[in-house]
């Protein structure tokens, strides 16, 4: 029983470490051939948005809005891939994985 408790504590520590690494990691996504770039943390928090002035047509704000949405989605996809890479090995042996918020 003691060995099981030690393994559980070790796994909990590994999960906490992986979550911290995800919170600190940053990934980017882009749209429009790089006209709009979004940066999010590995946990999915939007940290930055860069818009090339060429994308800012005052007569066509709808396209710019679409590019922003696409860039954020692309960055979030990259964050989900990072989450799967970091957390997958830790949760795979837990009977189908854990149901962690934001994962």
PDB file of N, CA and C in Angstrom:
ATOM      1  N   UNK A   1       0.829  -1.197   0.000  1.00  0.00           N
ATOM      2  CA  UNK A   1       0.000   0.000   0.000  1.00  0.00           C
ATOM      3  C   UNK A   1       0.869   1.255   0.000  1.00  0.00           C
ATOM      4  N   UNK A   2       1.964   1.214   0.748  1.00  0.00           N
ATOM      5  CA  UNK A   2       2.880   2.354   0.813  1.00  0.00           C
ATOM      6  C   UNK A   2       3.456   2.660  -0.568  1.00  0.00           C
ATOM      7  N   UNK A   3       3.777   1.599  -1.326  1.00  0.00           N
ATOM      8  CA  UNK A   3       4.340   1.787  -2.658  1.00  0.00           C
ATOM      9  C   UNK A   3       3.326   2.463  -3.584  1.00  0.00           C
ATOM     10  N   UNK A   4       2.068   2.096  -3.476  1.00  0.00           N
ATOM     11  CA  UNK A   4       1.025   2.704  -4.298  1.00  0.00           C
ATOM     12  C   UNK A   4       0.894   4.187  -3.962  1.00  0.00           C
ATOM     13  N   UNK A   5       0.931   4.508  -2.676  1.00  0.00           N
ATOM     14  CA  UNK A   5       0.838   5.918  -2.257  1.00  0.00           C
ATOM     15  C   UNK A   5       2.028   6.718  -2.782  1.00  0.00           C
ATOM     16  N   UNK A   6       3.218   6.135  -2.734  1.00  0.00           N
ATOM     17  CA  UNK A   6       4.405   6.830  -3.239  1.00  0.00           C
ATOM     18  C   UNK A   6       4.297   7.057  -4.738  1.00  0.00           C
ATOM     19  N   UNK A   7       3.783   6.050  -5.476  1.00  0.00           N
ATOM     20  CA  UNK A   7       3.607   6.206  -6.916  1.00  0.00           C
ATOM     21  C   UNK A   7       2.576   7.289  -7.227  1.00  0.00           C
ATOM     22  N   UNK A   8       1.502   7.319  -6.459  1.00  0.00           N
ATOM     23  CA  UNK A   8       0.472   8.332  -6.662  1.00  0.00           C
ATOM     24  C   UNK A   8       1.021   9.728  -6.398  1.00  0.00           C
ATOM     25  N   UNK A   9       1.822   9.882  -5.359  1.00  0.00           N
ATOM     26  CA  UNK A   9       2.411  11.184  -5.047  1.00  0.00           C
ATOM     27  C   UNK A   9       3.391  11.599  -6.141  1.00  0.00           C
ATOM     28  N   UNK A  10       4.161  10.641  -6.633  1.00  0.00           N
ATOM     29  CA  UNK A  10       5.118  10.938  -7.699  1.00  0.00           C
ATOM     30  C   UNK A  10       4.368  11.376  -8.960  1.00  0.00           C
ATOM     31  N   UNK A  11       3.285  10.672  -9.297  1.00  0.00           N
ATOM     32  CA  UNK A  11       2.508  11.027 -10.484  1.00  0.00           C
ATOM     33  C   UNK A  11       1.864  12.401 -10.312  1.00  0.00           C
ATOM     34  N   UNK A  12       1.376  12.687  -9.122  1.00  0.00           N
ATOM     35  CA  UNK A  12       0.771  13.993  -8.862  1.00  0.00           C
ATOM     36  C   UNK A  12       1.811  15.089  -9.056  1.00  0.00           C
ATOM     37  N   UNK A  13       3.029  14.874  -8.582  1.00  0.00           N
ATOM     38  CA  UNK A  13       4.093  15.860  -8.740  1.00  0.00           C
ATOM     39  C   UNK A  13       4.436  16.042 -10.222  1.00  0.00           C
ATOM     40  N   UNK A  14       4.481  14.945 -10.977  1.00  0.00           N
ATOM     41  CA  UNK A  14       4.773  15.035 -12.402  1.00  0.00           C
ATOM     42  C   UNK A  14       3.680  15.817 -13.133  1.00  0.00           C
ATOM     43  N   UNK A  15       2.422  15.585 -12.762  1.00  0.00           N
ATOM     44  CA  UNK A  15       1.316  16.320 -13.374  1.00  0.00           C
ATOM     45  C   UNK A  15       1.405  17.810 -13.057  1.00  0.00           C
ATOM     46  N   UNK A  16       1.718  18.130 -11.822  1.00  0.00           N
ATOM     47  CA  UNK A  16       1.838  19.543 -11.431  1.00  0.00           C
ATOM     48  C   UNK A  16       2.990  20.207 -12.186  1.00  0.00           C
ATOM     49  N   UNK A  17       4.087  19.487 -12.333  1.00  0.00           N
ATOM     50  CA  UNK A  17       5.230  20.023 -13.072  1.00  0.00           C
ATOM     51  C   UNK A  17       4.863  20.251 -14.529  1.00  0.00           C
ATOM     52  N   UNK A  18       4.186  19.283 -15.140  1.00  0.00           N
ATOM     53  CA  UNK A  18       3.775  19.414 -16.544  1.00  0.00           C
ATOM     54  C   UNK A  18       2.812  20.581 -16.720  1.00  0.00           C
ATOM     55  N   UNK A  19       1.865  20.753 -15.787  1.00  0.00           N
ATOM     56  CA  UNK A  19       0.927  21.872 -15.871  1.00  0.00           C
ATOM     57  C   UNK A  19       1.656  23.201 -15.764  1.00  0.00           C
ATOM     58  N   UNK A  20       2.651  23.290 -14.896  1.00  0.00           N
ATOM     59  CA  UNK A  20       3.434  24.513 -14.748  1.00  0.00           C
ATOM     60  C   UNK A  20       4.215  24.802 -16.033  1.00  0.00           C
ATOM     61  N   UNK A  21       4.797  23.749 -16.610  1.00  0.00           N
ATOM     62  CA  UNK A  21       5.533  23.927 -17.861  1.00  0.00           C
ATOM     63  C   UNK A  21       4.600  24.412 -18.971  1.00  0.00           C
ATOM     64  N   UNK A  22       3.382  23.873 -19.021  1.00  0.00           N
ATOM     65  CA  UNK A  22       2.412  24.313 -20.017  1.00  0.00           C
ATOM     66  C   UNK A  22       2.033  25.776 -19.811  1.00  0.00           C
ATOM     67  N   UNK A  23       1.859  26.173 -18.564  1.00  0.00           N
ATOM     68  CA  UNK A  23       1.482  27.558 -18.271  1.00  0.00           C
ATOM     69  C   UNK A  23       2.581  28.531 -18.697  1.00  0.00           C
ATOM     70  N   UNK A  24       3.836  28.080 -18.665  1.00  0.00           N
ATOM     71  CA  UNK A  24       4.963  28.941 -19.005  1.00  0.00           C
ATOM     72  C   UNK A  24       5.342  28.873 -20.487  1.00  0.00           C
ATOM     73  N   UNK A  25       5.006  27.773 -21.160  1.00  0.00           N
ATOM     74  CA  UNK A  25       5.358  27.613 -22.567  1.00  0.00           C
ATOM     75  C   UNK A  25       4.489  28.519 -23.426  1.00  0.00           C
ATOM     76  N   UNK A  26       5.039  28.966 -24.539  1.00  0.00           N
ATOM     77  CA  UNK A  26       4.275  29.777 -25.477  1.00  0.00           C
ATOM     78  C   UNK A  26       4.363  29.158 -26.863  1.00  0.00           C
ATOM     79  N   UNK A  27       3.238  29.161 -27.560  1.00  0.00           N
ATOM     80  CA  UNK A  27       3.176  28.691 -28.937  1.00  0.00           C
ATOM     81  C   UNK A  27       2.495  29.766 -29.766  1.00  0.00           C
ATOM     82  N   UNK A  28       2.737  29.742 -31.060  1.00  0.00           N
ATOM     83  CA  UNK A  28       2.140  30.748 -31.930  1.00  0.00           C
ATOM     84  C   UNK A  28       1.313  30.095 -33.022  1.00  0.00           C
ATOM     85  N   UNK A  29       0.387  30.861 -33.520  1.00  0.00           N
ATOM     86  CA  UNK A  29      -0.414  30.477 -34.667  1.00  0.00           C
ATOM     87  C   UNK A  29      -0.534  31.689 -35.558  1.00  0.00           C
ATOM     88  N   UNK A  30      -0.773  31.446 -36.838  1.00  0.00           N
ATOM     89  CA  UNK A  30      -0.863  32.588 -37.749  1.00  0.00           C
ATOM     90  C   UNK A  30      -1.942  32.361 -38.787  1.00  0.00           C
ATOM     91  N   UNK A  31      -2.274  33.432 -39.467  1.00  0.00           N
ATOM     92  CA  UNK A  31      -3.272  33.385 -40.536  1.00  0.00           C
ATOM     93  C   UNK A  31      -2.901  34.429 -41.583  1.00  0.00           C
ATOM     94  N   UNK A  32      -3.436  34.225 -42.770  1.00  0.00           N
ATOM     95  CA  UNK A  32      -3.185  35.188 -43.843  1.00  0.00           C
ATOM     96  C   UNK A  32      -1.738  35.240 -44.249  1.00  0.00           C
ATOM     97  N   UNK A  33      -1.067  34.095 -44.235  1.00  0.00           N
ATOM     98  CA  UNK A  33       0.348  34.072 -44.619  1.00  0.00           C
ATOM     99  C   UNK A  33       1.227  34.859 -43.666  1.00  0.00           C
ATOM    100  N   UNK A  34       0.830  34.906 -42.398  1.00  0.00           N
ATOM    101  CA  UNK A  34       1.618  35.607 -41.392  1.00  0.00           C
ATOM    102  C   UNK A  34       1.188  37.039 -41.150  1.00  0.00           C
ATOM    103  N   UNK A  35       0.097  37.478 -41.787  1.00  0.00           N
ATOM    104  CA  UNK A  35      -0.377  38.844 -41.557  1.00  0.00           C
ATOM    105  C   UNK A  35      -0.850  39.040 -40.124  1.00  0.00           C
ATOM    106  N   UNK A  36      -1.390  37.967 -39.528  1.00  0.00           N
ATOM    107  CA  UNK A  36      -1.829  38.018 -38.139  1.00  0.00           C
ATOM    108  C   UNK A  36      -1.208  36.829 -37.418  1.00  0.00           C
ATOM    109  N   UNK A  37      -0.578  37.107 -36.278  1.00  0.00           N
ATOM    110  CA  UNK A  37       0.053  36.073 -35.474  1.00  0.00           C
ATOM    111  C   UNK A  37      -0.447  36.181 -34.047  1.00  0.00           C
ATOM    112  N   UNK A  38      -0.872  35.050 -33.498  1.00  0.00           N
ATOM    113  CA  UNK A  38      -1.331  35.000 -32.110  1.00  0.00           C
ATOM    114  C   UNK A  38      -0.371  34.139 -31.306  1.00  0.00           C
ATOM    115  N   UNK A  39      -0.123  34.549 -30.068  1.00  0.00           N
ATOM    116  CA  UNK A  39       0.714  33.786 -29.158  1.00  0.00           C
ATOM    117  C   UNK A  39      -0.129  33.393 -27.958  1.00  0.00           C
ATOM    118  N   UNK A  40      -0.140  32.104 -27.628  1.00  0.00           N
ATOM    119  CA  UNK A  40      -0.869  31.605 -26.469  1.00  0.00           C
ATOM    120  C   UNK A  40       0.072  30.753 -25.633  1.00  0.00           C
ATOM    121  N   UNK A  41      -0.283  30.601 -24.358  1.00  0.00           N
ATOM    122  CA  UNK A  41       0.480  29.696 -23.508  1.00  0.00           C
ATOM    123  C   UNK A  41       0.073  28.269 -23.845  1.00  0.00           C
ATOM    124  N   UNK A  42       0.843  27.326 -23.358  1.00  0.00           N
ATOM    125  CA  UNK A  42       0.501  25.927 -23.547  1.00  0.00           C
ATOM    126  C   UNK A  42      -0.829  25.578 -22.904  1.00  0.00           C
ATOM    127  N   UNK A  43      -1.277  26.392 -21.965  1.00  0.00           N
ATOM    128  CA  UNK A  43      -2.565  26.187 -21.311  1.00  0.00           C
ATOM    129  C   UNK A  43      -3.698  26.890 -22.068  1.00  0.00           C
ATOM    130  N   UNK A  44      -3.377  27.591 -23.157  1.00  0.00           N
ATOM    131  CA  UNK A  44      -4.404  28.211 -23.988  1.00  0.00           C
ATOM    132  C   UNK A  44      -4.703  29.670 -23.699  1.00  0.00           C
ATOM    133  N   UNK A  45      -3.935  30.318 -22.849  1.00  0.00           N
ATOM    134  CA  UNK A  45      -4.168  31.733 -22.533  1.00  0.00           C
ATOM    135  C   UNK A  45      -3.539  32.618 -23.606  1.00  0.00           C
ATOM    136  N   UNK A  46      -4.346  33.500 -24.199  1.00  0.00           N
ATOM    137  CA  UNK A  46      -3.852  34.421 -25.219  1.00  0.00           C
ATOM    138  C   UNK A  46      -2.901  35.419 -24.573  1.00  0.00           C
ATOM    139  N   UNK A  47      -1.668  35.473 -25.093  1.00  0.00           N
ATOM    140  CA  UNK A  47      -0.648  36.355 -24.522  1.00  0.00           C
ATOM    141  C   UNK A  47      -0.318  37.527 -25.433  1.00  0.00           C
ATOM    142  N   UNK A  48      -0.488  37.335 -26.741  1.00  0.00           N
ATOM    143  CA  UNK A  48      -0.126  38.412 -27.648  1.00  0.00           C
ATOM    144  C   UNK A  48      -0.759  38.237 -29.007  1.00  0.00           C
ATOM    145  N   UNK A  49      -0.878  39.358 -29.700  1.00  0.00           N
ATOM    146  CA  UNK A  49      -1.464  39.367 -31.028  1.00  0.00           C
ATOM    147  C   UNK A  49      -0.698  40.392 -31.854  1.00  0.00           C
ATOM    148  N   UNK A  50      -0.178  39.956 -32.993  1.00  0.00           N
ATOM    149  CA  UNK A  50       0.552  40.852 -33.874  1.00  0.00           C
ATOM    150  C   UNK A  50      -0.196  40.943 -35.192  1.00  0.00           C
ATOM    151  N   UNK A  51      -0.443  42.190 -35.637  1.00  0.00           N
ATOM    152  CA  UNK A  51      -1.160  42.415 -36.888  1.00  0.00           C
ATOM    153  C   UNK A  51      -0.276  43.252 -37.805  1.00  0.00           C
ATOM    154  N   UNK A  52       0.037  42.697 -38.951  1.00  0.00           N
ATOM    155  CA  UNK A  52       0.806  43.417 -39.956  1.00  0.00           C
ATOM    156  C   UNK A  52      -0.068  44.576 -40.455  1.00  0.00           C
ATOM    157  N   UNK A  53       0.485  45.773 -40.567  1.00  0.00           N
ATOM    158  CA  UNK A  53      -0.300  46.920 -41.035  1.00  0.00           C
ATOM    159  C   UNK A  53      -0.989  46.676 -42.378  1.00  0.00           C
ATOM    160  N   UNK A  54      -0.441  45.785 -43.206  1.00  0.00           N
ATOM    161  CA  UNK A  54      -1.063  45.485 -44.503  1.00  0.00           C
ATOM    162  C   UNK A  54      -2.438  44.839 -44.327  1.00  0.00           C
ATOM    163  N   UNK A  55      -2.677  44.228 -43.160  1.00  0.00           N
ATOM    164  CA  UNK A  55      -3.957  43.561 -42.910  1.00  0.00           C
ATOM    165  C   UNK A  55      -5.018  44.524 -42.388  1.00  0.00           C
ATOM    166  N   UNK A  56      -4.608  45.732 -42.032  1.00  0.00           N
ATOM    167  CA  UNK A  56      -5.526  46.686 -41.397  1.00  0.00           C
ATOM    168  C   UNK A  56      -6.130  47.639 -42.422  1.00  0.00           C
ATOM    169  N   UNK A  57      -7.042  47.137 -43.226  1.00  0.00           N
ATOM    170  CA  UNK A  57      -7.755  47.957 -44.200  1.00  0.00           C
ATOM    171  C   UNK A  57      -9.016  48.502 -43.530  1.00  0.00           C
ATOM    172  N   UNK A  58      -9.105  49.811 -43.312  1.00  0.00           N
ATOM    173  CA  UNK A  58     -10.278  50.381 -42.642  1.00  0.00           C
ATOM    174  C   UNK A  58     -11.586  50.109 -43.379  1.00  0.00           C
ATOM    175  N   UNK A  59     -11.507  49.822 -44.658  1.00  0.00           N
ATOM    176  CA  UNK A  59     -12.700  49.534 -45.447  1.00  0.00           C
ATOM    177  C   UNK A  59     -13.122  48.070 -45.333  1.00  0.00           C
ATOM    178  N   UNK A  60     -12.252  47.221 -44.749  1.00  0.00           N
ATOM    179  CA  UNK A  60     -12.544  45.788 -44.690  1.00  0.00           C
ATOM    180  C   UNK A  60     -12.121  45.212 -43.326  1.00  0.00           C
ATOM    181  N   UNK A  61     -12.776  45.667 -42.282  1.00  0.00           N
ATOM    182  CA  UNK A  61     -12.438  45.169 -40.943  1.00  0.00           C
ATOM    183  C   UNK A  61     -12.910  43.726 -40.740  1.00  0.00           C
ATOM    184  N   UNK A  62     -13.858  43.285 -41.549  1.00  0.00           N
ATOM    185  CA  UNK A  62     -14.368  41.924 -41.426  1.00  0.00           C
ATOM    186  C   UNK A  62     -13.271  40.890 -41.729  1.00  0.00           C
ATOM    187  N   UNK A  63     -12.489  41.150 -42.757  1.00  0.00           N
ATOM    188  CA  UNK A  63     -11.400  40.228 -43.106  1.00  0.00           C
ATOM    189  C   UNK A  63     -10.367  40.200 -41.990  1.00  0.00           C
ATOM    190  N   UNK A  64     -10.054  41.359 -41.434  1.00  0.00           N
ATOM    191  CA  UNK A  64      -9.101  41.411 -40.334  1.00  0.00           C
ATOM    192  C   UNK A  64      -9.611  40.606 -39.143  1.00  0.00           C
ATOM    193  N   UNK A  65     -10.885  40.754 -38.826  1.00  0.00           N
ATOM    194  CA  UNK A  65     -11.465  39.997 -37.720  1.00  0.00           C
ATOM    195  C   UNK A  65     -11.375  38.494 -37.999  1.00  0.00           C
ATOM    196  N   UNK A  66     -11.638  38.083 -39.216  1.00  0.00           N
ATOM    197  CA  UNK A  66     -11.535  36.667 -39.584  1.00  0.00           C
ATOM    198  C   UNK A  66     -10.102  36.164 -39.427  1.00  0.00           C
ATOM    199  N   UNK A  67      -9.133  36.986 -39.809  1.00  0.00           N
ATOM    200  CA  UNK A  67      -7.728  36.610 -39.674  1.00  0.00           C
ATOM    201  C   UNK A  67      -7.333  36.464 -38.209  1.00  0.00           C
ATOM    202  N   UNK A  68      -7.831  37.358 -37.363  1.00  0.00           N
ATOM    203  CA  UNK A  68      -7.538  37.278 -35.932  1.00  0.00           C
ATOM    204  C   UNK A  68      -8.100  35.982 -35.354  1.00  0.00           C
ATOM    205  N   UNK A  69      -9.346  35.680 -35.673  1.00  0.00           N
ATOM    206  CA  UNK A  69      -9.970  34.453 -35.181  1.00  0.00           C
ATOM    207  C   UNK A  69      -9.190  33.231 -35.664  1.00  0.00           C
ATOM    208  N   UNK A  70      -8.804  33.226 -36.932  1.00  0.00           N
ATOM    209  CA  UNK A  70      -8.069  32.092 -37.489  1.00  0.00           C
ATOM    210  C   UNK A  70      -6.704  31.932 -36.818  1.00  0.00           C
ATOM    211  N   UNK A  71      -6.024  33.037 -36.552  1.00  0.00           N
ATOM    212  CA  UNK A  71      -4.711  32.966 -35.908  1.00  0.00           C
ATOM    213  C   UNK A  71      -4.826  32.441 -34.482  1.00  0.00           C
ATOM    214  N   UNK A  72      -5.833  32.900 -33.752  1.00  0.00           N
ATOM    215  CA  UNK A  72      -6.039  32.426 -32.374  1.00  0.00           C
ATOM    216  C   UNK A  72      -6.395  30.944 -32.381  1.00  0.00           C
ATOM    217  N   UNK A  73      -7.225  30.528 -33.307  1.00  0.00           N
ATOM    218  CA  UNK A  73      -7.565  29.100 -33.408  1.00  0.00           C
ATOM    219  C   UNK A  73      -6.329  28.268 -33.721  1.00  0.00           C
ATOM    220  N   UNK A  74      -5.491  28.767 -34.612  1.00  0.00           N
ATOM    221  CA  UNK A  74      -4.276  28.043 -34.972  1.00  0.00           C
ATOM    222  C   UNK A  74      -3.346  27.936 -33.773  1.00  0.00           C
ATOM    223  N   UNK A  75      -3.230  29.001 -33.006  1.00  0.00           N
ATOM    224  CA  UNK A  75      -2.385  28.976 -31.811  1.00  0.00           C
ATOM    225  C   UNK A  75      -2.959  28.019 -30.761  1.00  0.00           C
ATOM    226  N   UNK A  76      -4.274  28.028 -30.589  1.00  0.00           N
ATOM    227  CA  UNK A  76      -4.900  27.113 -29.626  1.00  0.00           C
ATOM    228  C   UNK A  76      -4.729  25.658 -30.044  1.00  0.00           C
ATOM    229  N   UNK A  77      -4.753  25.385 -31.347  1.00  0.00           N
ATOM    230  CA  UNK A  77      -4.499  24.037 -31.838  1.00  0.00           C
ATOM    231  C   UNK A  77      -3.087  23.606 -31.469  1.00  0.00           C
ATOM    232  N   UNK A  78      -2.136  24.517 -31.644  1.00  0.00           N
ATOM    233  CA  UNK A  78      -0.751  24.216 -31.275  1.00  0.00           C
ATOM    234  C   UNK A  78      -0.633  23.989 -29.767  1.00  0.00           C
ATOM    235  N   UNK A  79      -1.378  24.760 -28.976  1.00  0.00           N
ATOM    236  CA  UNK A  79      -1.355  24.579 -27.522  1.00  0.00           C
ATOM    237  C   UNK A  79      -1.928  23.219 -27.138  1.00  0.00           C
ATOM    238  N   UNK A  80      -2.989  22.792 -27.819  1.00  0.00           N
ATOM    239  CA  UNK A  80      -3.578  21.481 -27.532  1.00  0.00           C
ATOM    240  C   UNK A  80      -2.616  20.356 -27.884  1.00  0.00           C
ATOM    241  N   UNK A  81      -1.876  20.527 -28.970  1.00  0.00           N
ATOM    242  CA  UNK A  81      -0.876  19.528 -29.335  1.00  0.00           C
ATOM    243  C   UNK A  81       0.221  19.458 -28.273  1.00  0.00           C
ATOM    244  N   UNK A  82       0.630  20.618 -27.769  1.00  0.00           N
ATOM    245  CA  UNK A  82       1.638  20.654 -26.718  1.00  0.00           C
ATOM    246  C   UNK A  82       1.107  20.001 -25.446  1.00  0.00           C
ATOM    247  N   UNK A  83      -0.155  20.271 -25.108  1.00  0.00           N
ATOM    248  CA  UNK A  83      -0.774  19.650 -23.941  1.00  0.00           C
ATOM    249  C   UNK A  83      -0.780  18.133 -24.082  1.00  0.00           C
ATOM    250  N   UNK A  84      -1.150  17.650 -25.248  1.00  0.00           N
ATOM    251  CA  UNK A  84      -1.201  16.208 -25.478  1.00  0.00           C
ATOM    252  C   UNK A  84       0.191  15.590 -25.347  1.00  0.00           C
ATOM    253  N   UNK A  85       1.190  16.292 -25.855  1.00  0.00           N
ATOM    254  CA  UNK A  85       2.557  15.773 -25.773  1.00  0.00           C
ATOM    255  C   UNK A  85       3.060  15.736 -24.330  1.00  0.00           C
ATOM    256  N   UNK A  86       2.736  16.769 -23.557  1.00  0.00           N
ATOM    257  CA  UNK A  86       3.204  16.847 -22.166  1.00  0.00           C
ATOM    258  C   UNK A  86       2.401  15.965 -21.222  1.00  0.00           C
ATOM    259  N   UNK A  87       1.085  15.979 -21.392  1.00  0.00           N
ATOM    260  CA  UNK A  87       0.211  15.316 -20.426  1.00  0.00           C
ATOM    261  C   UNK A  87      -0.131  13.879 -20.816  1.00  0.00           C
ATOM    262  N   UNK A  88      -0.132  13.580 -22.103  1.00  0.00           N
ATOM    263  CA  UNK A  88      -0.511  12.258 -22.568  1.00  0.00           C
ATOM    264  C   UNK A  88       0.230  11.121 -21.889  1.00  0.00           C
ATOM    265  N   UNK A  89       1.558  11.173 -21.851  1.00  0.00           N
ATOM    266  CA  UNK A  89       2.289  10.082 -21.204  1.00  0.00           C
ATOM    267  C   UNK A  89       1.979   9.950 -19.707  1.00  0.00           C
ATOM    268  N   UNK A  90       1.611  11.055 -19.078  1.00  0.00           N
ATOM    269  CA  UNK A  90       1.344  11.021 -17.635  1.00  0.00           C
ATOM    270  C   UNK A  90      -0.046  10.489 -17.319  1.00  0.00           C
ATOM    271  N   UNK A  91      -0.990  10.713 -18.234  1.00  0.00           N
ATOM    272  CA  UNK A  91      -2.364  10.316 -17.947  1.00  0.00           C
ATOM    273  C   UNK A  91      -2.776   9.020 -18.626  1.00  0.00           C
ATOM    274  N   UNK A  92      -1.943   8.498 -19.527  1.00  0.00           N
ATOM    275  CA  UNK A  92      -2.330   7.318 -20.300  1.00  0.00           C
ATOM    276  C   UNK A  92      -2.506   6.075 -19.437  1.00  0.00           C
ATOM    277  N   UNK A  93      -1.793   5.972 -18.344  1.00  0.00           N
ATOM    278  CA  UNK A  93      -1.899   4.790 -17.508  1.00  0.00           C
ATOM    279  C   UNK A  93      -2.947   4.895 -16.426  1.00  0.00           C
ATOM    280  N   UNK A  94      -3.827   5.854 -16.523  1.00  0.00           N
ATOM    281  CA  UNK A  94      -4.811   6.068 -15.467  1.00  0.00           C
ATOM    282  C   UNK A  94      -6.212   5.655 -15.900  1.00  0.00           C
ATOM    283  N   UNK A  95      -6.318   4.544 -16.574  1.00  0.00           N
ATOM    284  CA  UNK A  95      -7.643   4.049 -16.947  1.00  0.00           C
ATOM    285  C   UNK A  95      -8.370   4.962 -17.903  1.00  0.00           C
ATOM    286  N   UNK A  96      -7.723   5.390 -18.964  1.00  0.00           N
ATOM    287  CA  UNK A  96      -8.393   6.228 -19.956  1.00  0.00           C
ATOM    288  C   UNK A  96      -8.093   7.696 -19.787  1.00  0.00           C
ATOM    289  N   UNK A  97      -7.246   8.053 -18.858  1.00  0.00           N
ATOM    290  CA  UNK A  97      -6.850   9.448 -18.706  1.00  0.00           C
ATOM    291  C   UNK A  97      -7.604  10.140 -17.613  1.00  0.00           C
ATOM    292  N   UNK A  98      -7.178  11.336 -17.342  1.00  0.00           N
ATOM    293  CA  UNK A  98      -7.809  12.173 -16.329  1.00  0.00           C
ATOM    294  C   UNK A  98      -8.705  13.199 -16.990  1.00  0.00           C
ATOM    295  N   UNK A  99      -9.678  13.638 -16.268  1.00  0.00           N
ATOM    296  CA  UNK A  99     -10.521  14.729 -16.744  1.00  0.00           C
ATOM    297  C   UNK A  99     -10.044  15.992 -16.042  1.00  0.00           C
ATOM    298  N   UNK A 100      -9.043  16.651 -16.651  1.00  0.00           N
ATOM    299  CA  UNK A 100      -8.464  17.846 -16.056  1.00  0.00           C
ATOM    300  C   UNK A 100      -9.065  19.068 -16.726  1.00  0.00           C
ATOM    301  N   UNK A 101      -9.410  20.092 -15.953  1.00  0.00           N
ATOM    302  CA  UNK A 101      -9.955  21.313 -16.545  1.00  0.00           C
ATOM    303  C   UNK A 101      -8.975  21.900 -17.553  1.00  0.00           C
ATOM    304  N   UNK A 102      -9.471  22.259 -18.705  1.00  0.00           N
ATOM    305  CA  UNK A 102      -8.634  22.881 -19.723  1.00  0.00           C
ATOM    306  C   UNK A 102      -7.799  21.915 -20.518  1.00  0.00           C
ATOM    307  N   UNK A 103      -7.935  20.636 -20.280  1.00  0.00           N
ATOM    308  CA  UNK A 103      -7.122  19.644 -20.981  1.00  0.00           C
ATOM    309  C   UNK A 103      -7.987  18.845 -21.925  1.00  0.00           C
TER     310      UNK A 103
END
